[in-house]
């Protein structure tokens, strides 16, 4: 799936955890690599992550190990979109989620939060 690039504002509640990560946690993960690179995300094995795909693959493997019914990120993305979307903010959500066409975001209006909750309850039983 390809989406438009976008920049999202940093919220005030995100600043302190990010600062703590940059100043403390990142060096605890791997102090040598942390000093050698300005990349945001590094691993304890010394890998430097350029993109999020590598990290997300590891997270997906962990989620799949815990929940057999988990298929992919689209399930999570859909639940987030449906929970935040209403007919009054479709343009705003279109930009927020990086969708090129308004039709793409409008298809999520067909889902309701209750339907999604029922599906998630069935999935994680």
N, C-alpha and C. Protein backbone atom coordinates (compact mmCIF):
# COMPACT_ATOMS: atom_id res chain seq x y z
N UNK A 1 0.85 -1.17 0.00
CA UNK A 1 0.00 0.00 0.00
C UNK A 1 0.90 1.24 0.00
N UNK A 2 0.58 2.18 -0.83
CA UNK A 2 1.35 3.42 -0.95
C UNK A 2 0.46 4.56 -0.50
N UNK A 3 1.01 5.45 0.32
CA UNK A 3 0.23 6.59 0.77
C UNK A 3 1.05 7.86 0.63
N UNK A 4 0.37 8.97 0.73
CA UNK A 4 1.05 10.25 0.67
C UNK A 4 1.92 10.45 1.90
N UNK A 5 3.02 11.14 1.72
CA UNK A 5 3.84 11.51 2.86
C UNK A 5 3.12 12.58 3.66
N UNK A 6 3.40 12.66 4.94
CA UNK A 6 2.78 13.67 5.76
C UNK A 6 3.63 13.91 7.00
N UNK A 7 3.45 15.06 7.57
CA UNK A 7 4.12 15.40 8.82
C UNK A 7 3.04 15.64 9.85
N UNK A 8 3.20 14.99 10.98
CA UNK A 8 2.23 15.14 12.04
C UNK A 8 2.88 15.93 13.17
N UNK A 9 2.14 16.84 13.77
CA UNK A 9 2.72 17.64 14.85
C UNK A 9 3.03 16.78 16.07
N UNK A 10 4.09 17.12 16.75
CA UNK A 10 4.45 16.44 17.99
C UNK A 10 3.57 17.00 19.10
N UNK A 11 2.89 16.13 19.80
CA UNK A 11 2.02 16.58 20.87
C UNK A 11 2.83 16.75 22.15
N UNK A 12 2.35 17.59 23.04
CA UNK A 12 3.10 17.89 24.26
C UNK A 12 3.38 16.64 25.10
N UNK A 13 2.44 15.70 25.13
CA UNK A 13 2.65 14.49 25.94
C UNK A 13 3.69 13.55 25.33
N UNK A 14 4.12 13.81 24.10
CA UNK A 14 5.13 12.98 23.45
C UNK A 14 6.54 13.50 23.67
N UNK A 15 6.68 14.75 24.08
CA UNK A 15 7.99 15.38 24.15
C UNK A 15 8.86 14.76 25.24
N UNK A 16 8.35 14.61 26.44
CA UNK A 16 9.16 14.06 27.53
C UNK A 16 9.62 12.63 27.26
N UNK A 17 8.74 11.71 26.84
CA UNK A 17 9.23 10.36 26.53
C UNK A 17 10.28 10.34 25.41
N UNK A 18 10.10 11.18 24.41
CA UNK A 18 11.07 11.24 23.32
C UNK A 18 12.41 11.76 23.83
N UNK A 19 12.38 12.79 24.64
CA UNK A 19 13.60 13.35 25.22
C UNK A 19 14.30 12.31 26.10
N UNK A 20 13.53 11.59 26.91
CA UNK A 20 14.11 10.55 27.76
C UNK A 20 14.76 9.46 26.91
N UNK A 21 14.11 9.09 25.83
CA UNK A 21 14.70 8.08 24.94
C UNK A 21 16.01 8.60 24.35
N UNK A 22 15.99 9.83 23.84
CA UNK A 22 17.18 10.38 23.20
C UNK A 22 18.35 10.53 24.17
N UNK A 23 18.07 10.94 25.41
CA UNK A 23 19.14 11.21 26.35
C UNK A 23 19.55 10.02 27.20
N UNK A 24 18.67 9.05 27.39
CA UNK A 24 18.99 7.95 28.30
C UNK A 24 18.84 6.58 27.65
N UNK A 25 17.63 6.22 27.26
CA UNK A 25 17.32 4.86 26.81
C UNK A 25 18.13 4.44 25.60
N UNK A 26 18.31 5.34 24.65
CA UNK A 26 19.04 5.02 23.42
C UNK A 26 20.46 4.55 23.75
N UNK A 27 21.08 5.18 24.76
CA UNK A 27 22.43 4.80 25.16
C UNK A 27 22.44 3.51 25.96
N UNK A 28 21.35 3.22 26.65
CA UNK A 28 21.25 1.96 27.37
C UNK A 28 21.11 0.78 26.41
N UNK A 29 20.45 1.01 25.28
CA UNK A 29 20.25 -0.05 24.28
C UNK A 29 21.59 -0.48 23.72
N UNK A 30 22.40 0.46 23.27
CA UNK A 30 23.72 0.15 22.72
C UNK A 30 24.56 1.43 22.75
N UNK A 31 25.36 1.61 23.81
CA UNK A 31 26.10 2.87 23.98
C UNK A 31 27.09 3.16 22.86
N UNK A 32 27.74 2.14 22.33
CA UNK A 32 28.74 2.36 21.28
C UNK A 32 28.08 2.88 20.01
N UNK A 33 27.04 2.18 19.56
CA UNK A 33 26.34 2.59 18.35
C UNK A 33 25.67 3.95 18.56
N UNK A 34 25.11 4.19 19.74
CA UNK A 34 24.44 5.46 20.02
C UNK A 34 25.39 6.64 19.84
N UNK A 35 26.64 6.45 20.19
CA UNK A 35 27.63 7.52 20.03
C UNK A 35 28.10 7.67 18.59
N UNK A 36 28.00 6.60 17.80
CA UNK A 36 28.52 6.61 16.44
C UNK A 36 27.53 7.10 15.39
N UNK A 37 26.26 7.13 15.74
CA UNK A 37 25.25 7.50 14.73
C UNK A 37 24.25 8.49 15.30
N UNK A 38 23.65 9.24 14.41
CA UNK A 38 22.58 10.14 14.83
C UNK A 38 21.21 9.58 14.47
N UNK A 39 21.17 8.32 14.02
CA UNK A 39 19.90 7.68 13.70
C UNK A 39 19.07 7.54 14.97
N UNK A 40 17.78 7.71 14.83
CA UNK A 40 16.89 7.69 15.99
C UNK A 40 16.78 6.31 16.61
N UNK A 41 16.64 5.28 15.79
CA UNK A 41 16.36 3.95 16.30
C UNK A 41 17.54 3.03 16.05
N UNK A 42 18.01 2.41 17.13
CA UNK A 42 19.09 1.43 17.04
C UNK A 42 18.66 0.19 17.83
N UNK A 43 19.34 -0.93 17.58
CA UNK A 43 18.98 -2.15 18.30
C UNK A 43 20.10 -2.54 19.25
N UNK A 44 19.78 -3.45 20.16
CA UNK A 44 20.80 -3.92 21.11
C UNK A 44 21.86 -4.75 20.41
N UNK A 45 21.56 -5.28 19.21
CA UNK A 45 22.54 -6.06 18.45
C UNK A 45 23.45 -5.17 17.62
N UNK A 46 23.26 -3.87 17.69
CA UNK A 46 24.12 -2.95 16.96
C UNK A 46 23.62 -2.57 15.59
N UNK A 47 22.40 -2.96 15.27
CA UNK A 47 21.85 -2.59 13.96
C UNK A 47 21.33 -1.16 14.03
N UNK A 48 21.49 -0.45 12.94
CA UNK A 48 20.96 0.91 12.83
C UNK A 48 19.80 0.85 11.86
N UNK A 49 18.65 1.26 12.31
CA UNK A 49 17.46 1.18 11.47
C UNK A 49 17.26 2.47 10.70
N UNK A 50 17.25 2.35 9.39
CA UNK A 50 17.00 3.50 8.55
C UNK A 50 15.50 3.72 8.41
N UNK A 51 14.77 2.66 8.22
CA UNK A 51 13.32 2.77 8.06
C UNK A 51 12.60 1.99 9.13
N UNK A 52 11.30 2.15 9.15
CA UNK A 52 10.48 1.48 10.16
C UNK A 52 10.11 0.05 9.77
N UNK A 53 10.28 -0.32 8.51
CA UNK A 53 9.86 -1.65 8.06
C UNK A 53 10.52 -2.76 8.86
N UNK A 54 11.80 -2.63 9.11
CA UNK A 54 12.53 -3.67 9.85
C UNK A 54 11.97 -3.83 11.26
N UNK A 55 11.72 -2.71 11.90
CA UNK A 55 11.18 -2.73 13.26
C UNK A 55 9.78 -3.32 13.27
N UNK A 56 8.97 -2.89 12.32
CA UNK A 56 7.59 -3.36 12.27
C UNK A 56 7.51 -4.86 12.00
N UNK A 57 8.44 -5.39 11.21
CA UNK A 57 8.45 -6.84 10.97
C UNK A 57 8.66 -7.60 12.27
N UNK A 58 9.56 -7.10 13.11
CA UNK A 58 9.81 -7.76 14.39
C UNK A 58 8.59 -7.66 15.31
N UNK A 59 7.95 -6.52 15.30
CA UNK A 59 6.76 -6.33 16.13
C UNK A 59 5.64 -7.25 15.66
N UNK A 60 5.47 -7.36 14.34
CA UNK A 60 4.44 -8.25 13.78
C UNK A 60 4.70 -9.70 14.21
N UNK A 61 5.95 -10.12 14.17
CA UNK A 61 6.26 -11.50 14.57
C UNK A 61 5.89 -11.73 16.04
N UNK A 62 6.14 -10.74 16.90
CA UNK A 62 5.80 -10.88 18.31
C UNK A 62 4.28 -10.91 18.51
N UNK A 63 3.57 -10.06 17.80
CA UNK A 63 2.10 -10.04 17.93
C UNK A 63 1.51 -11.35 17.43
N UNK A 64 2.02 -11.84 16.28
CA UNK A 64 1.50 -13.10 15.73
C UNK A 64 1.76 -14.27 16.68
N UNK A 65 2.87 -14.22 17.39
CA UNK A 65 3.18 -15.28 18.35
C UNK A 65 2.17 -15.30 19.49
N UNK A 66 1.67 -14.12 19.87
CA UNK A 66 0.70 -14.03 20.96
C UNK A 66 -0.74 -14.25 20.51
N UNK A 67 -1.07 -13.73 19.32
CA UNK A 67 -2.46 -13.77 18.84
C UNK A 67 -2.50 -14.40 17.45
N UNK A 68 -3.02 -15.63 17.37
CA UNK A 68 -3.03 -16.33 16.06
C UNK A 68 -3.89 -15.63 15.02
N UNK A 69 -4.89 -14.92 15.44
CA UNK A 69 -5.81 -14.30 14.47
C UNK A 69 -5.30 -12.98 13.91
N UNK A 70 -4.21 -12.49 14.44
CA UNK A 70 -3.63 -11.26 13.90
C UNK A 70 -3.09 -11.56 12.51
N UNK A 71 -3.52 -10.75 11.54
CA UNK A 71 -3.08 -10.97 10.17
C UNK A 71 -2.05 -9.93 9.73
N UNK A 72 -2.40 -8.66 9.89
CA UNK A 72 -1.48 -7.62 9.43
C UNK A 72 -1.85 -6.28 10.06
N UNK A 73 -1.05 -5.26 9.72
CA UNK A 73 -1.25 -3.92 10.27
C UNK A 73 -2.55 -3.28 9.80
N UNK A 74 -3.10 -3.76 8.71
CA UNK A 74 -4.35 -3.17 8.22
C UNK A 74 -5.47 -3.29 9.25
N UNK A 75 -5.47 -4.37 10.02
CA UNK A 75 -6.48 -4.53 11.06
C UNK A 75 -6.37 -3.41 12.08
N UNK A 76 -5.15 -3.13 12.50
CA UNK A 76 -4.93 -2.08 13.50
C UNK A 76 -5.21 -0.72 12.89
N UNK A 77 -4.72 -0.49 11.69
CA UNK A 77 -4.92 0.79 11.01
C UNK A 77 -6.41 1.07 10.82
N UNK A 78 -7.14 0.06 10.40
CA UNK A 78 -8.58 0.22 10.21
C UNK A 78 -9.27 0.58 11.51
N UNK A 79 -8.89 -0.08 12.59
CA UNK A 79 -9.54 0.21 13.87
C UNK A 79 -9.24 1.63 14.33
N UNK A 80 -8.03 2.11 14.09
CA UNK A 80 -7.69 3.48 14.48
C UNK A 80 -8.47 4.48 13.63
N UNK A 81 -8.52 4.24 12.32
CA UNK A 81 -9.24 5.15 11.42
C UNK A 81 -10.71 5.20 11.79
N UNK A 82 -11.33 4.05 11.96
CA UNK A 82 -12.76 4.00 12.25
C UNK A 82 -13.07 4.67 13.58
N UNK A 83 -12.20 4.50 14.57
CA UNK A 83 -12.47 5.10 15.88
C UNK A 83 -12.34 6.61 15.86
N UNK A 84 -11.56 7.16 14.94
CA UNK A 84 -11.35 8.62 14.90
C UNK A 84 -12.20 9.33 13.86
N UNK A 85 -12.81 8.58 12.99
CA UNK A 85 -13.49 9.16 11.84
C UNK A 85 -14.96 9.44 12.12
N UNK A 86 -15.42 10.57 11.63
CA UNK A 86 -16.85 10.87 11.59
C UNK A 86 -17.09 11.68 10.32
N UNK A 87 -18.33 11.78 9.88
CA UNK A 87 -18.60 12.47 8.60
C UNK A 87 -18.12 13.92 8.54
N UNK A 88 -17.93 14.55 9.69
CA UNK A 88 -17.51 15.95 9.71
C UNK A 88 -16.01 16.16 9.54
N UNK A 89 -15.20 15.11 9.71
CA UNK A 89 -13.76 15.32 9.63
C UNK A 89 -13.07 14.46 8.57
N UNK A 90 -13.78 14.09 7.52
CA UNK A 90 -13.19 13.20 6.52
C UNK A 90 -11.97 13.81 5.83
N UNK A 91 -12.03 15.08 5.49
CA UNK A 91 -10.88 15.72 4.83
C UNK A 91 -9.67 15.77 5.77
N UNK A 92 -9.91 16.10 7.01
CA UNK A 92 -8.83 16.15 7.99
C UNK A 92 -8.20 14.77 8.17
N UNK A 93 -9.02 13.75 8.30
CA UNK A 93 -8.50 12.39 8.48
C UNK A 93 -7.82 11.89 7.20
N UNK A 94 -8.31 12.31 6.05
CA UNK A 94 -7.68 11.93 4.78
C UNK A 94 -6.23 12.41 4.78
N UNK A 95 -6.01 13.64 5.18
CA UNK A 95 -4.66 14.19 5.23
C UNK A 95 -3.84 13.51 6.33
N UNK A 96 -4.45 13.33 7.49
CA UNK A 96 -3.77 12.74 8.64
C UNK A 96 -3.25 11.34 8.33
N UNK A 97 -4.05 10.55 7.63
CA UNK A 97 -3.66 9.18 7.32
C UNK A 97 -2.95 9.05 5.97
N UNK A 98 -2.73 10.17 5.27
CA UNK A 98 -1.95 10.16 4.05
C UNK A 98 -2.65 9.52 2.86
N UNK A 99 -3.95 9.65 2.80
CA UNK A 99 -4.70 9.05 1.70
C UNK A 99 -4.83 10.04 0.56
N UNK A 100 -4.62 9.56 -0.65
CA UNK A 100 -4.63 10.44 -1.81
C UNK A 100 -6.03 10.86 -2.22
N UNK A 101 -6.98 9.96 -2.08
CA UNK A 101 -8.34 10.24 -2.56
C UNK A 101 -9.33 10.22 -1.40
N UNK A 102 -10.31 11.09 -1.48
CA UNK A 102 -11.34 11.16 -0.45
C UNK A 102 -12.18 9.87 -0.42
N UNK A 103 -12.30 9.21 -1.56
CA UNK A 103 -13.07 7.95 -1.63
C UNK A 103 -12.47 6.89 -0.70
N UNK A 104 -11.15 6.92 -0.58
CA UNK A 104 -10.48 5.93 0.27
C UNK A 104 -10.92 6.07 1.71
N UNK A 105 -10.95 7.29 2.21
CA UNK A 105 -11.34 7.50 3.62
C UNK A 105 -12.84 7.30 3.81
N UNK A 106 -13.62 7.60 2.78
CA UNK A 106 -15.07 7.45 2.90
C UNK A 106 -15.49 5.99 3.06
N UNK A 107 -14.70 5.07 2.54
CA UNK A 107 -15.09 3.66 2.70
C UNK A 107 -15.03 3.22 4.16
N UNK A 108 -14.22 3.92 4.96
CA UNK A 108 -14.15 3.60 6.38
C UNK A 108 -15.39 4.05 7.13
N UNK A 109 -16.13 5.00 6.58
CA UNK A 109 -17.36 5.45 7.22
C UNK A 109 -18.40 4.34 7.27
N UNK A 110 -18.27 3.36 6.39
CA UNK A 110 -19.21 2.26 6.35
C UNK A 110 -19.09 1.37 7.59
N UNK A 111 -17.89 1.33 8.15
CA UNK A 111 -17.67 0.55 9.37
C UNK A 111 -18.09 1.37 10.57
N UNK A 112 -18.60 0.72 11.56
CA UNK A 112 -18.91 1.42 12.80
C UNK A 112 -17.99 0.92 13.89
N UNK A 113 -17.83 1.68 14.91
CA UNK A 113 -16.96 1.30 16.01
C UNK A 113 -17.47 0.02 16.67
N UNK A 114 -18.78 -0.11 16.78
CA UNK A 114 -19.34 -1.32 17.40
C UNK A 114 -19.00 -2.56 16.60
N UNK A 115 -19.11 -2.48 15.27
CA UNK A 115 -18.76 -3.63 14.43
C UNK A 115 -17.30 -4.00 14.61
N UNK A 116 -16.47 -3.00 14.68
CA UNK A 116 -15.05 -3.24 14.83
C UNK A 116 -14.73 -3.85 16.19
N UNK A 117 -15.38 -3.35 17.23
CA UNK A 117 -15.16 -3.92 18.56
C UNK A 117 -15.57 -5.39 18.60
N UNK A 118 -16.69 -5.70 17.99
CA UNK A 118 -17.15 -7.10 17.94
C UNK A 118 -16.14 -7.97 17.22
N UNK A 119 -15.61 -7.47 16.10
CA UNK A 119 -14.62 -8.22 15.34
C UNK A 119 -13.34 -8.43 16.16
N UNK A 120 -12.89 -7.38 16.86
CA UNK A 120 -11.69 -7.52 17.69
C UNK A 120 -11.92 -8.48 18.84
N UNK A 121 -13.11 -8.41 19.46
CA UNK A 121 -13.42 -9.35 20.54
C UNK A 121 -13.38 -10.79 20.06
N UNK A 122 -13.94 -11.03 18.86
CA UNK A 122 -13.90 -12.38 18.28
C UNK A 122 -12.46 -12.80 17.99
N UNK A 123 -11.66 -11.86 17.52
CA UNK A 123 -10.29 -12.18 17.11
C UNK A 123 -9.42 -12.55 18.31
N UNK A 124 -9.61 -11.86 19.44
CA UNK A 124 -8.73 -12.07 20.59
C UNK A 124 -9.36 -12.91 21.70
N UNK A 125 -10.35 -13.73 21.35
CA UNK A 125 -10.97 -14.62 22.34
C UNK A 125 -10.04 -15.75 22.69
